[in-house]
Amino acid sequence: MRHFVLYSNHGKTTGKFKDLVKAGRLDIVANSVLHGFFISNGLRAGIDFHIVLNGPPDPPKHIRIISNKETPWSKKDIGTLLRIALWKYKKGKKVEALPGVFIERKSFVDVIEELAEKYPVYLLDPRGKRLDEIEIKPGPVFVLGDHLGIPRKERRAIKDYITETISLGNIPYFSSQCITIINHRLDMLGIDTEYWETLDKFENKK
């Protein structure tokens, strides 16, 4: 399983929105999810994607999306999936809003701490080691921010849970592009490369 954690600084924590850009740059979240799960005519079978929204009116909200054939995916409208998840939030509970899509109240630090108990955690940082120069351990967790990055306070809070800081080079890529680059590197290493071919109604393809 490949794990991604995306920190959204201002992503709205209510489903009451129409424009993803105006909803705290949820377009970045949607594009990152798209590039995390989808390949040409296929859906990756081993992705565990965590989104932590910190915008108004009720932060934080943790949306978790796990590869699932039954998720009502639409590559053109991931915003609807996010909206439904937010609408189905219930205080004090972890809710499965859609098949493979869960929502609860959980902070960024708590998400990282929980994952670090089981998996190696890699934080994207321009000052880190080059991705192609490190040994990637099984079940990797890759942590990144939106266009504003991860706040210094949050970075300090998770520093003890980080296995390694990694860099994709000096060029500032979009969050979604970072995820594509990481996925490509893992594909080249043969790590969790299974996918379902969407043209054949998600039949398993290895």
N, C-alpha and C. Protein backbone atom coordinates (compact mmCIF):
# COMPACT_ATOMS: atom_id res chain seq x y z
N MET A 1 0.84 -1.20 0.00
CA MET A 1 0.00 0.00 0.00
C MET A 1 0.88 1.25 0.00
N ARG A 2 0.52 2.20 -0.85
CA ARG A 2 1.19 3.51 -0.86
C ARG A 2 0.28 4.50 -0.13
N HIS A 3 0.87 5.27 0.77
CA HIS A 3 0.09 6.23 1.56
C HIS A 3 0.52 7.66 1.20
N PHE A 4 -0.46 8.52 1.04
CA PHE A 4 -0.19 9.95 0.85
C PHE A 4 -0.96 10.74 1.90
N VAL A 5 -0.33 11.79 2.43
CA VAL A 5 -1.02 12.70 3.35
C VAL A 5 -0.86 14.10 2.79
N LEU A 6 -1.97 14.75 2.50
CA LEU A 6 -1.96 16.10 1.94
C LEU A 6 -2.52 17.09 2.96
N TYR A 7 -1.72 18.08 3.31
CA TYR A 7 -2.14 19.14 4.23
C TYR A 7 -2.73 20.29 3.42
N SER A 8 -4.01 20.57 3.67
CA SER A 8 -4.69 21.68 2.99
C SER A 8 -4.88 22.82 3.98
N ASN A 9 -4.22 23.95 3.74
CA ASN A 9 -4.24 25.06 4.70
C ASN A 9 -5.62 25.67 4.89
N HIS A 10 -6.34 25.86 3.79
CA HIS A 10 -7.60 26.59 3.87
C HIS A 10 -8.78 25.84 3.25
N GLY A 11 -8.60 24.55 2.96
CA GLY A 11 -9.69 23.79 2.36
C GLY A 11 -10.93 23.80 3.23
N LYS A 12 -12.07 24.14 2.65
CA LYS A 12 -13.31 24.28 3.41
C LYS A 12 -13.70 22.97 4.09
N THR A 13 -14.23 23.10 5.30
CA THR A 13 -14.63 21.93 6.07
C THR A 13 -16.15 21.79 6.13
N THR A 14 -16.80 22.26 5.09
CA THR A 14 -18.23 22.05 4.90
C THR A 14 -18.46 21.74 3.43
N GLY A 15 -19.53 20.99 3.17
CA GLY A 15 -19.84 20.65 1.78
C GLY A 15 -20.57 21.76 1.04
N LYS A 16 -20.75 22.88 1.69
CA LYS A 16 -21.49 23.99 1.08
C LYS A 16 -20.56 24.84 0.23
N PHE A 17 -20.26 24.35 -0.96
CA PHE A 17 -19.44 25.11 -1.90
C PHE A 17 -19.74 24.64 -3.32
N LYS A 18 -19.48 25.51 -4.28
CA LYS A 18 -19.65 25.17 -5.69
C LYS A 18 -18.33 25.27 -6.45
N ASP A 19 -17.56 26.29 -6.11
CA ASP A 19 -16.30 26.54 -6.80
C ASP A 19 -15.15 26.00 -5.96
N LEU A 20 -14.42 25.02 -6.49
CA LEU A 20 -13.33 24.40 -5.74
C LEU A 20 -12.21 25.39 -5.42
N VAL A 21 -11.93 26.28 -6.33
CA VAL A 21 -10.86 27.26 -6.11
C VAL A 21 -11.23 28.18 -4.95
N LYS A 22 -12.46 28.68 -4.95
CA LYS A 22 -12.91 29.59 -3.91
C LYS A 22 -13.14 28.88 -2.58
N ALA A 23 -13.20 27.55 -2.59
CA ALA A 23 -13.43 26.79 -1.37
C ALA A 23 -12.10 26.43 -0.70
N GLY A 24 -11.19 27.41 -0.62
CA GLY A 24 -9.91 27.19 0.03
C GLY A 24 -8.95 26.37 -0.79
N ARG A 25 -9.05 26.49 -2.12
CA ARG A 25 -8.19 25.77 -3.05
C ARG A 25 -8.38 24.25 -2.97
N LEU A 26 -9.64 23.85 -2.89
CA LEU A 26 -9.94 22.42 -2.94
C LEU A 26 -9.66 21.84 -4.33
N ASP A 27 -9.44 22.72 -5.32
CA ASP A 27 -9.03 22.22 -6.63
C ASP A 27 -7.69 21.51 -6.54
N ILE A 28 -6.81 21.99 -5.67
CA ILE A 28 -5.52 21.34 -5.47
C ILE A 28 -5.72 19.95 -4.88
N VAL A 29 -6.62 19.85 -3.93
CA VAL A 29 -6.94 18.56 -3.32
C VAL A 29 -7.49 17.61 -4.37
N ALA A 30 -8.45 18.09 -5.16
CA ALA A 30 -9.07 17.24 -6.18
C ALA A 30 -8.05 16.75 -7.20
N ASN A 31 -7.19 17.65 -7.67
CA ASN A 31 -6.17 17.26 -8.65
C ASN A 31 -5.18 16.27 -8.05
N SER A 32 -4.85 16.44 -6.78
CA SER A 32 -3.92 15.53 -6.12
C SER A 32 -4.53 14.14 -5.98
N VAL A 33 -5.79 14.08 -5.64
CA VAL A 33 -6.49 12.79 -5.56
C VAL A 33 -6.51 12.13 -6.93
N LEU A 34 -6.82 12.90 -7.95
CA LEU A 34 -6.85 12.38 -9.32
C LEU A 34 -5.51 11.76 -9.70
N HIS A 35 -4.42 12.46 -9.43
CA HIS A 35 -3.10 11.96 -9.80
C HIS A 35 -2.61 10.86 -8.86
N GLY A 36 -3.21 10.79 -7.69
CA GLY A 36 -2.85 9.72 -6.78
C GLY A 36 -3.40 8.37 -7.21
N PHE A 37 -4.63 8.37 -7.69
CA PHE A 37 -5.33 7.12 -7.96
C PHE A 37 -5.35 6.70 -9.43
N PHE A 38 -5.45 7.65 -10.33
CA PHE A 38 -5.74 7.29 -11.72
C PHE A 38 -4.50 7.22 -12.60
N ILE A 39 -4.51 6.23 -13.49
CA ILE A 39 -3.58 6.14 -14.60
C ILE A 39 -4.42 6.05 -15.86
N SER A 40 -3.80 6.00 -17.02
CA SER A 40 -4.56 5.93 -18.26
C SER A 40 -5.40 4.66 -18.30
N ASN A 41 -6.71 4.83 -18.33
CA ASN A 41 -7.64 3.70 -18.38
C ASN A 41 -7.49 2.74 -17.21
N GLY A 42 -7.08 3.27 -16.06
CA GLY A 42 -6.92 2.40 -14.91
C GLY A 42 -6.98 3.14 -13.59
N LEU A 43 -7.21 2.38 -12.54
CA LEU A 43 -7.29 2.91 -11.18
C LEU A 43 -6.35 2.11 -10.30
N ARG A 44 -5.44 2.78 -9.63
CA ARG A 44 -4.48 2.09 -8.78
C ARG A 44 -5.19 1.37 -7.63
N ALA A 45 -4.76 0.15 -7.34
CA ALA A 45 -5.44 -0.68 -6.35
C ALA A 45 -4.82 -0.59 -4.96
N GLY A 46 -3.70 0.10 -4.80
CA GLY A 46 -3.01 0.12 -3.52
C GLY A 46 -2.73 1.50 -2.97
N ILE A 47 -3.71 2.40 -3.05
CA ILE A 47 -3.52 3.78 -2.58
C ILE A 47 -4.37 4.05 -1.34
N ASP A 48 -3.75 4.64 -0.34
CA ASP A 48 -4.43 5.08 0.87
C ASP A 48 -4.13 6.58 1.00
N PHE A 49 -5.12 7.41 0.69
CA PHE A 49 -4.91 8.86 0.56
C PHE A 49 -5.59 9.60 1.70
N HIS A 50 -4.81 10.36 2.45
CA HIS A 50 -5.33 11.12 3.59
C HIS A 50 -5.30 12.61 3.27
N ILE A 51 -6.40 13.29 3.49
CA ILE A 51 -6.52 14.73 3.28
C ILE A 51 -6.90 15.36 4.61
N VAL A 52 -6.13 16.34 5.04
CA VAL A 52 -6.49 17.06 6.27
C VAL A 52 -6.83 18.50 5.88
N LEU A 53 -8.10 18.84 6.05
CA LEU A 53 -8.60 20.17 5.71
C LEU A 53 -8.60 21.06 6.95
N ASN A 54 -8.05 22.25 6.81
CA ASN A 54 -7.90 23.15 7.96
C ASN A 54 -8.60 24.49 7.78
N GLY A 55 -9.51 24.56 6.83
CA GLY A 55 -10.23 25.81 6.58
C GLY A 55 -11.52 25.91 7.37
N PRO A 56 -12.25 27.02 7.20
CA PRO A 56 -13.52 27.22 7.91
C PRO A 56 -14.61 26.32 7.33
N PRO A 57 -15.67 26.08 8.11
CA PRO A 57 -15.96 26.69 9.41
C PRO A 57 -15.64 25.79 10.61
N ASP A 58 -15.19 24.54 10.36
CA ASP A 58 -15.08 23.60 11.47
C ASP A 58 -13.87 22.67 11.32
N PRO A 59 -12.66 23.25 11.32
CA PRO A 59 -11.47 22.41 11.16
C PRO A 59 -11.09 21.71 12.48
N PRO A 60 -10.25 20.65 12.39
CA PRO A 60 -9.80 20.01 11.14
C PRO A 60 -10.75 18.90 10.73
N LYS A 61 -10.75 18.57 9.45
CA LYS A 61 -11.50 17.43 8.96
C LYS A 61 -10.52 16.51 8.21
N HIS A 62 -10.60 15.25 8.51
CA HIS A 62 -9.73 14.24 7.89
C HIS A 62 -10.56 13.37 6.96
N ILE A 63 -10.26 13.46 5.68
CA ILE A 63 -10.92 12.61 4.68
C ILE A 63 -9.91 11.56 4.24
N ARG A 64 -10.29 10.32 4.33
CA ARG A 64 -9.42 9.21 3.93
C ARG A 64 -10.08 8.47 2.76
N ILE A 65 -9.31 8.29 1.70
CA ILE A 65 -9.82 7.58 0.53
C ILE A 65 -8.91 6.38 0.27
N ILE A 66 -9.49 5.20 0.29
CA ILE A 66 -8.74 3.96 0.08
C ILE A 66 -9.21 3.34 -1.24
N SER A 67 -8.27 2.83 -2.03
CA SER A 67 -8.62 2.21 -3.30
C SER A 67 -9.75 1.21 -3.11
N ASN A 68 -10.80 1.38 -3.90
CA ASN A 68 -11.99 0.54 -3.78
C ASN A 68 -12.72 0.55 -5.11
N LYS A 69 -13.02 -0.61 -5.63
CA LYS A 69 -13.73 -0.71 -6.91
C LYS A 69 -15.11 -0.06 -6.85
N GLU A 70 -15.70 -0.03 -5.65
CA GLU A 70 -17.07 0.44 -5.52
C GLU A 70 -17.18 1.94 -5.32
N THR A 71 -16.08 2.63 -5.15
CA THR A 71 -16.14 4.10 -5.02
C THR A 71 -16.73 4.70 -6.29
N PRO A 72 -17.73 5.56 -6.17
CA PRO A 72 -18.35 6.17 -7.36
C PRO A 72 -17.46 7.24 -7.96
N TRP A 73 -16.36 6.79 -8.57
CA TRP A 73 -15.37 7.73 -9.10
C TRP A 73 -15.86 8.47 -10.32
N SER A 74 -15.43 9.69 -10.44
CA SER A 74 -15.57 10.46 -11.67
C SER A 74 -14.32 11.32 -11.80
N LYS A 75 -13.49 11.00 -12.79
CA LYS A 75 -12.26 11.77 -12.96
C LYS A 75 -12.53 13.25 -13.20
N LYS A 76 -13.70 13.55 -13.76
CA LYS A 76 -14.03 14.94 -14.07
C LYS A 76 -14.64 15.68 -12.90
N ASP A 77 -15.02 14.96 -11.84
CA ASP A 77 -15.74 15.64 -10.76
C ASP A 77 -15.42 15.02 -9.40
N ILE A 78 -14.18 15.07 -9.01
CA ILE A 78 -13.79 14.59 -7.69
C ILE A 78 -14.31 15.53 -6.61
N GLY A 79 -14.60 16.77 -7.00
CA GLY A 79 -15.18 17.72 -6.06
C GLY A 79 -16.46 17.21 -5.44
N THR A 80 -17.27 16.50 -6.22
CA THR A 80 -18.52 15.95 -5.68
C THR A 80 -18.24 14.91 -4.61
N LEU A 81 -17.23 14.09 -4.81
CA LEU A 81 -16.85 13.10 -3.80
C LEU A 81 -16.46 13.80 -2.50
N LEU A 82 -15.67 14.87 -2.60
CA LEU A 82 -15.27 15.62 -1.41
C LEU A 82 -16.48 16.26 -0.73
N ARG A 83 -17.37 16.81 -1.55
CA ARG A 83 -18.55 17.48 -1.02
C ARG A 83 -19.45 16.50 -0.25
N ILE A 84 -19.65 15.32 -0.82
CA ILE A 84 -20.49 14.31 -0.17
C ILE A 84 -19.87 13.88 1.16
N ALA A 85 -18.55 13.67 1.15
CA ALA A 85 -17.88 13.27 2.38
C ALA A 85 -18.08 14.32 3.47
N LEU A 86 -17.93 15.59 3.13
CA LEU A 86 -18.09 16.66 4.12
C LEU A 86 -19.53 16.77 4.62
N TRP A 87 -20.48 16.57 3.73
CA TRP A 87 -21.88 16.63 4.14
C TRP A 87 -22.22 15.51 5.12
N LYS A 88 -21.57 14.36 4.99
CA LYS A 88 -21.92 13.20 5.81
C LYS A 88 -21.13 13.13 7.12
N TYR A 89 -20.31 14.14 7.38
CA TYR A 89 -19.58 14.17 8.65
C TYR A 89 -20.55 14.19 9.83
N LYS A 90 -20.21 13.40 10.87
CA LYS A 90 -20.99 13.38 12.10
C LYS A 90 -20.04 13.55 13.28
N LYS A 91 -20.34 14.50 14.12
CA LYS A 91 -19.48 14.83 15.25
C LYS A 91 -19.22 13.60 16.11
N GLY A 92 -17.95 13.38 16.41
CA GLY A 92 -17.57 12.29 17.30
C GLY A 92 -17.53 10.92 16.67
N LYS A 93 -17.74 10.84 15.34
CA LYS A 93 -17.77 9.55 14.68
C LYS A 93 -16.87 9.54 13.44
N LYS A 94 -16.42 8.34 13.10
CA LYS A 94 -15.77 8.12 11.82
C LYS A 94 -16.80 7.52 10.89
N VAL A 95 -17.10 8.23 9.81
CA VAL A 95 -18.21 7.85 8.94
C VAL A 95 -17.66 7.39 7.58
N GLU A 96 -18.19 6.28 7.09
CA GLU A 96 -17.89 5.88 5.72
C GLU A 96 -18.92 6.56 4.82
N ALA A 97 -18.52 7.67 4.24
CA ALA A 97 -19.44 8.50 3.45
C ALA A 97 -19.80 7.83 2.13
N LEU A 98 -18.85 7.14 1.54
CA LEU A 98 -19.01 6.41 0.29
C LEU A 98 -18.10 5.19 0.39
N PRO A 99 -18.30 4.18 -0.44
CA PRO A 99 -17.39 3.03 -0.37
C PRO A 99 -15.92 3.45 -0.51
N GLY A 100 -15.13 3.19 0.51
CA GLY A 100 -13.72 3.53 0.49
C GLY A 100 -13.41 4.97 0.87
N VAL A 101 -14.43 5.76 1.23
CA VAL A 101 -14.23 7.17 1.57
C VAL A 101 -14.74 7.42 2.99
N PHE A 102 -13.84 7.86 3.86
CA PHE A 102 -14.17 8.04 5.27
C PHE A 102 -13.90 9.49 5.69
N ILE A 103 -14.67 9.95 6.68
CA ILE A 103 -14.46 11.30 7.21
C ILE A 103 -14.60 11.28 8.72
N GLU A 104 -13.78 12.07 9.37
CA GLU A 104 -13.81 12.22 10.82
C GLU A 104 -13.08 13.50 11.19
N ARG A 105 -13.16 13.86 12.46
CA ARG A 105 -12.36 14.96 12.96
C ARG A 105 -11.03 14.39 13.47
N LYS A 106 -9.95 14.76 12.82
CA LYS A 106 -8.63 14.31 13.25
C LYS A 106 -7.61 15.30 12.73
N SER A 107 -6.68 15.68 13.57
CA SER A 107 -5.68 16.66 13.19
C SER A 107 -4.59 16.05 12.33
N PHE A 108 -3.87 16.91 11.65
CA PHE A 108 -2.73 16.49 10.82
C PHE A 108 -1.71 15.72 11.65
N VAL A 109 -1.38 16.24 12.82
CA VAL A 109 -0.38 15.59 13.67
C VAL A 109 -0.86 14.21 14.10
N ASP A 110 -2.13 14.08 14.45
CA ASP A 110 -2.67 12.79 14.85
C ASP A 110 -2.64 11.78 13.71
N VAL A 111 -2.92 12.24 12.50
CA VAL A 111 -2.87 11.36 11.33
C VAL A 111 -1.45 10.83 11.14
N ILE A 112 -0.47 11.72 11.20
CA ILE A 112 0.93 11.32 11.01
C ILE A 112 1.38 10.38 12.13
N GLU A 113 1.04 10.71 13.34
CA GLU A 113 1.43 9.87 14.48
C GLU A 113 0.89 8.45 14.33
N GLU A 114 -0.36 8.36 13.93
CA GLU A 114 -0.99 7.05 13.77
C GLU A 114 -0.33 6.23 12.66
N LEU A 115 -0.04 6.87 11.53
CA LEU A 115 0.61 6.17 10.43
C LEU A 115 2.03 5.75 10.78
N ALA A 116 2.73 6.62 11.51
CA ALA A 116 4.12 6.36 11.86
C ALA A 116 4.28 5.16 12.79
N GLU A 117 3.21 4.75 13.43
CA GLU A 117 3.28 3.57 14.29
C GLU A 117 3.47 2.29 13.48
N LYS A 118 3.09 2.34 12.19
CA LYS A 118 3.14 1.13 11.36
C LYS A 118 4.04 1.27 10.13
N TYR A 119 4.23 2.51 9.65
CA TYR A 119 4.87 2.68 8.36
C TYR A 119 5.97 3.74 8.41
N PRO A 120 6.93 3.67 7.47
CA PRO A 120 7.93 4.74 7.35
C PRO A 120 7.30 6.00 6.76
N VAL A 121 7.67 7.14 7.28
CA VAL A 121 7.06 8.41 6.86
C VAL A 121 8.11 9.28 6.19
N TYR A 122 7.82 9.74 4.97
CA TYR A 122 8.74 10.57 4.19
C TYR A 122 8.10 11.94 3.97
N LEU A 123 8.77 12.97 4.44
CA LEU A 123 8.27 14.34 4.31
C LEU A 123 8.96 15.03 3.13
N LEU A 124 8.17 15.59 2.22
CA LEU A 124 8.75 16.33 1.10
C LEU A 124 9.31 17.65 1.59
N ASP A 125 10.57 17.90 1.23
CA ASP A 125 11.27 19.10 1.66
C ASP A 125 12.39 19.38 0.65
N PRO A 126 12.48 20.60 0.11
CA PRO A 126 13.54 20.90 -0.86
C PRO A 126 14.94 20.62 -0.35
N ARG A 127 15.10 20.62 0.99
CA ARG A 127 16.42 20.39 1.57
C ARG A 127 16.68 18.92 1.88
N GLY A 128 15.71 18.06 1.56
CA GLY A 128 15.85 16.65 1.87
C GLY A 128 16.74 15.91 0.89
N LYS A 129 16.85 14.60 1.09
CA LYS A 129 17.63 13.75 0.20
C LYS A 129 16.84 13.49 -1.08
N ARG A 130 17.55 13.31 -2.17
CA ARG A 130 16.88 13.06 -3.44
C ARG A 130 16.11 11.75 -3.39
N LEU A 131 14.90 11.78 -3.93
CA LEU A 131 14.04 10.62 -3.91
C LEU A 131 14.71 9.40 -4.51
N ASP A 132 15.45 9.60 -5.60
CA ASP A 132 16.07 8.47 -6.27
C ASP A 132 17.34 7.97 -5.59
N GLU A 133 17.70 8.58 -4.45
CA GLU A 133 18.91 8.17 -3.74
C GLU A 133 18.61 7.49 -2.41
N ILE A 134 17.34 7.40 -2.05
CA ILE A 134 17.02 6.78 -0.76
C ILE A 134 16.40 5.40 -0.97
N GLU A 135 16.54 4.57 0.06
CA GLU A 135 15.88 3.27 0.06
C GLU A 135 14.46 3.46 0.60
N ILE A 136 13.49 3.14 -0.20
CA ILE A 136 12.10 3.29 0.22
C ILE A 136 11.63 2.00 0.88
N LYS A 137 11.26 2.10 2.14
CA LYS A 137 10.85 0.94 2.91
C LYS A 137 9.39 0.58 2.61
N PRO A 138 8.97 -0.66 2.90
CA PRO A 138 7.60 -1.10 2.61
C PRO A 138 6.53 -0.23 3.28
N GLY A 139 5.43 -0.03 2.57
CA GLY A 139 4.31 0.73 3.11
C GLY A 139 4.59 2.20 3.26
N PRO A 140 5.27 2.85 2.31
CA PRO A 140 5.71 4.23 2.51
C PRO A 140 4.57 5.23 2.63
N VAL A 141 4.78 6.22 3.49
CA VAL A 141 3.85 7.34 3.66
C VAL A 141 4.56 8.59 3.17
N PHE A 142 3.95 9.30 2.22
CA PHE A 142 4.54 10.53 1.69
C PHE A 142 3.68 11.71 2.12
N VAL A 143 4.31 12.68 2.75
CA VAL A 143 3.60 13.82 3.35
C VAL A 143 3.96 15.09 2.59
N LEU A 144 2.93 15.83 2.17
CA LEU A 144 3.17 17.07 1.43
C LEU A 144 2.05 18.07 1.70
N GLY A 145 2.31 19.31 1.34
CA GLY A 145 1.33 20.36 1.54
C GLY A 145 0.74 20.84 0.24
N ASP A 146 -0.18 21.80 0.34
CA ASP A 146 -0.76 22.41 -0.85
C ASP A 146 0.18 23.53 -1.33
N HIS A 147 -0.34 24.51 -2.05
CA HIS A 147 0.51 25.57 -2.60
C HIS A 147 1.17 26.44 -1.54
N LEU A 148 0.64 26.40 -0.31
CA LEU A 148 1.22 27.17 0.79
C LEU A 148 2.18 26.35 1.64
N GLY A 149 2.29 25.07 1.35
CA GLY A 149 3.17 24.21 2.12
C GLY A 149 2.57 23.82 3.47
N ILE A 150 3.38 23.20 4.30
CA ILE A 150 2.96 22.79 5.64
C ILE A 150 3.49 23.83 6.63
N PRO A 151 2.63 24.40 7.47
CA PRO A 151 3.08 25.43 8.42
C PRO A 151 4.22 24.95 9.31
N ARG A 152 5.07 25.88 9.70
CA ARG A 152 6.24 25.55 10.51
C ARG A 152 5.85 24.85 11.81
N LYS A 153 4.78 25.32 12.42
CA LYS A 153 4.33 24.72 13.68
C LYS A 153 3.99 23.25 13.51
N GLU A 154 3.31 22.93 12.42
CA GLU A 154 2.93 21.54 12.15
C GLU A 154 4.17 20.69 11.82
N ARG A 155 5.09 21.27 11.09
CA ARG A 155 6.31 20.55 10.75
C ARG A 155 7.11 20.20 12.00
N ARG A 156 7.18 21.15 12.92
CA ARG A 156 7.88 20.88 14.17
C ARG A 156 7.19 19.77 14.97
N ALA A 157 5.87 19.78 14.92
CA ALA A 157 5.10 18.81 15.71
C ALA A 157 5.25 17.38 15.20
N ILE A 158 5.57 17.22 13.91
CA ILE A 158 5.68 15.86 13.36
C ILE A 158 7.12 15.40 13.17
N LYS A 159 8.09 16.21 13.54
CA LYS A 159 9.47 15.91 13.20
C LYS A 159 9.95 14.57 13.77
N ASP A 160 9.46 14.18 14.94
CA ASP A 160 9.89 12.92 15.55
C ASP A 160 9.29 11.70 14.87
N TYR A 161 8.31 11.91 14.01
CA TYR A 161 7.67 10.79 13.32
C TYR A 161 8.21 10.58 11.91
N ILE A 162 9.11 11.46 11.48
CA ILE A 162 9.60 11.42 10.10
C ILE A 162 10.78 10.47 9.97
N THR A 163 10.67 9.53 9.04
CA THR A 163 11.76 8.60 8.77
C THR A 163 12.86 9.28 7.97
N GLU A 164 12.45 10.09 6.99
CA GLU A 164 13.40 10.76 6.10
C GLU A 164 12.71 11.93 5.43
N THR A 165 13.44 13.03 5.24
CA THR A 165 12.94 14.12 4.40
C THR A 165 13.48 13.89 3.00
N ILE A 166 12.63 14.08 2.01
CA ILE A 166 13.01 13.79 0.63
C ILE A 166 12.75 14.99 -0.26
N SER A 167 13.51 15.08 -1.32
CA SER A 167 13.41 16.20 -2.26
C SER A 167 13.19 15.69 -3.67
N LEU A 168 12.40 16.43 -4.42
CA LEU A 168 12.20 16.12 -5.84
C LEU A 168 13.03 17.07 -6.70
N GLY A 169 13.92 17.83 -6.08
CA GLY A 169 14.76 18.75 -6.82
C GLY A 169 14.42 20.20 -6.54
N ASN A 170 15.02 21.09 -7.29
CA ASN A 170 14.88 22.53 -7.04
C ASN A 170 13.67 23.16 -7.72
N ILE A 171 13.02 22.43 -8.61
CA ILE A 171 11.86 22.99 -9.31
C ILE A 171 10.61 22.83 -8.45
N PRO A 172 9.85 23.90 -8.21
CA PRO A 172 8.65 23.82 -7.37
C PRO A 172 7.45 23.26 -8.13
N TYR A 173 7.21 21.99 -8.01
CA TYR A 173 6.11 21.34 -8.70
C TYR A 173 4.78 21.55 -7.97
N PHE A 174 3.68 21.38 -8.72
CA PHE A 174 2.36 21.33 -8.10
C PHE A 174 2.29 20.11 -7.18
N SER A 175 1.40 20.16 -6.20
CA SER A 175 1.21 19.01 -5.31
C SER A 175 0.86 17.76 -6.11
N SER A 176 -0.04 17.92 -7.07
CA SER A 176 -0.45 16.78 -7.89
C SER A 176 0.71 16.22 -8.71
N GLN A 177 1.59 17.10 -9.18
CA GLN A 177 2.76 16.65 -9.93
C GLN A 177 3.74 15.90 -9.03
N CYS A 178 3.89 16.36 -7.80
CA CYS A 178 4.74 15.65 -6.84
C CYS A 178 4.25 14.22 -6.66
N ILE A 179 2.95 14.06 -6.55
CA ILE A 179 2.38 12.73 -6.36
C ILE A 179 2.62 11.86 -7.58
N THR A 180 2.50 12.43 -8.77
CA THR A 180 2.78 11.68 -9.99
C THR A 180 4.23 11.22 -10.04
N ILE A 181 5.14 12.12 -9.67
CA ILE A 181 6.57 11.78 -9.68
C ILE A 181 6.86 10.65 -8.68
N ILE A 182 6.27 10.74 -7.51
CA ILE A 182 6.47 9.70 -6.50
C ILE A 182 5.89 8.38 -6.98
N ASN A 183 4.69 8.42 -7.54
CA ASN A 183 4.08 7.19 -8.05
C ASN A 183 4.95 6.57 -9.14
N HIS A 184 5.50 7.39 -10.01
CA HIS A 184 6.35 6.88 -11.08
C HIS A 184 7.58 6.20 -10.50
N ARG A 185 8.19 6.82 -9.50
CA ARG A 185 9.37 6.23 -8.87
C ARG A 185 9.03 4.88 -8.26
N LEU A 186 7.92 4.78 -7.58
CA LEU A 186 7.51 3.52 -6.97
C LEU A 186 7.18 2.48 -8.04
N ASP A 187 6.60 2.94 -9.14
CA ASP A 187 6.33 2.02 -10.26
C ASP A 187 7.64 1.43 -10.78
N MET A 188 8.65 2.27 -10.93
CA MET A 188 9.94 1.81 -11.44
C MET A 188 10.61 0.81 -10.49
N LEU A 189 10.31 0.95 -9.20
CA LEU A 189 10.86 0.04 -8.20
C LEU A 189 9.99 -1.20 -8.01
N GLY A 190 8.84 -1.21 -8.66
CA GLY A 190 7.94 -2.36 -8.56
C GLY A 190 7.21 -2.47 -7.24
N ILE A 191 6.99 -1.33 -6.59
CA ILE A 191 6.32 -1.31 -5.28
C ILE A 191 4.82 -1.07 -5.46
N ASP A 192 4.02 -2.04 -5.10
CA ASP A 192 2.55 -1.91 -5.11
C ASP A 192 2.05 -1.35 -6.45
N THR A 193 2.29 -2.07 -7.52
CA THR A 193 1.95 -1.58 -8.86
C THR A 193 0.61 -2.09 -9.37
N GLU A 194 -0.14 -2.82 -8.57
CA GLU A 194 -1.42 -3.36 -9.02
C GLU A 194 -2.41 -2.25 -9.37
N TYR A 195 -3.23 -2.52 -10.35
CA TYR A 195 -4.29 -1.57 -10.70
C TYR A 195 -5.46 -2.31 -11.32
N TRP A 196 -6.60 -1.64 -11.31
CA TRP A 196 -7.79 -2.17 -11.97
C TRP A 196 -7.97 -1.45 -13.29
N GLU A 197 -8.21 -2.21 -14.33
CA GLU A 197 -8.38 -1.62 -15.66
C GLU A 197 -9.81 -1.12 -15.81
N THR A 198 -9.98 0.16 -15.92
CA THR A 198 -11.32 0.74 -15.93
C THR A 198 -12.11 0.42 -17.19
N LEU A 199 -11.42 0.16 -18.28
CA LEU A 199 -12.14 -0.18 -19.50
C LEU A 199 -12.85 -1.52 -19.39
N ASP A 200 -12.38 -2.36 -18.48
CA ASP A 200 -12.98 -3.69 -18.31
C ASP A 200 -13.74 -3.77 -16.97
N LYS A 201 -14.36 -2.68 -16.60
CA LYS A 201 -15.17 -2.61 -15.38
C LYS A 201 -14.38 -3.02 -14.13
N PHE A 202 -13.16 -2.49 -14.04
CA PHE A 202 -12.31 -2.68 -12.88
C PHE A 202 -11.88 -4.12 -12.65
N GLU A 203 -11.74 -4.90 -13.72
CA GLU A 203 -11.14 -6.22 -13.55
C GLU A 203 -9.71 -6.05 -13.07
N ASN A 204 -9.25 -6.97 -12.22
CA ASN A 204 -7.91 -6.84 -11.64
C ASN A 204 -6.83 -7.04 -12.71
N LYS A 205 -5.84 -6.16 -12.68
CA LYS A 205 -4.74 -6.21 -13.67
C LYS A 205 -3.43 -6.08 -12.92
N LYS A 206 -2.51 -7.04 -13.14
CA LYS A 206 -1.21 -6.99 -12.48
C LYS A 206 -0.10 -7.06 -13.50
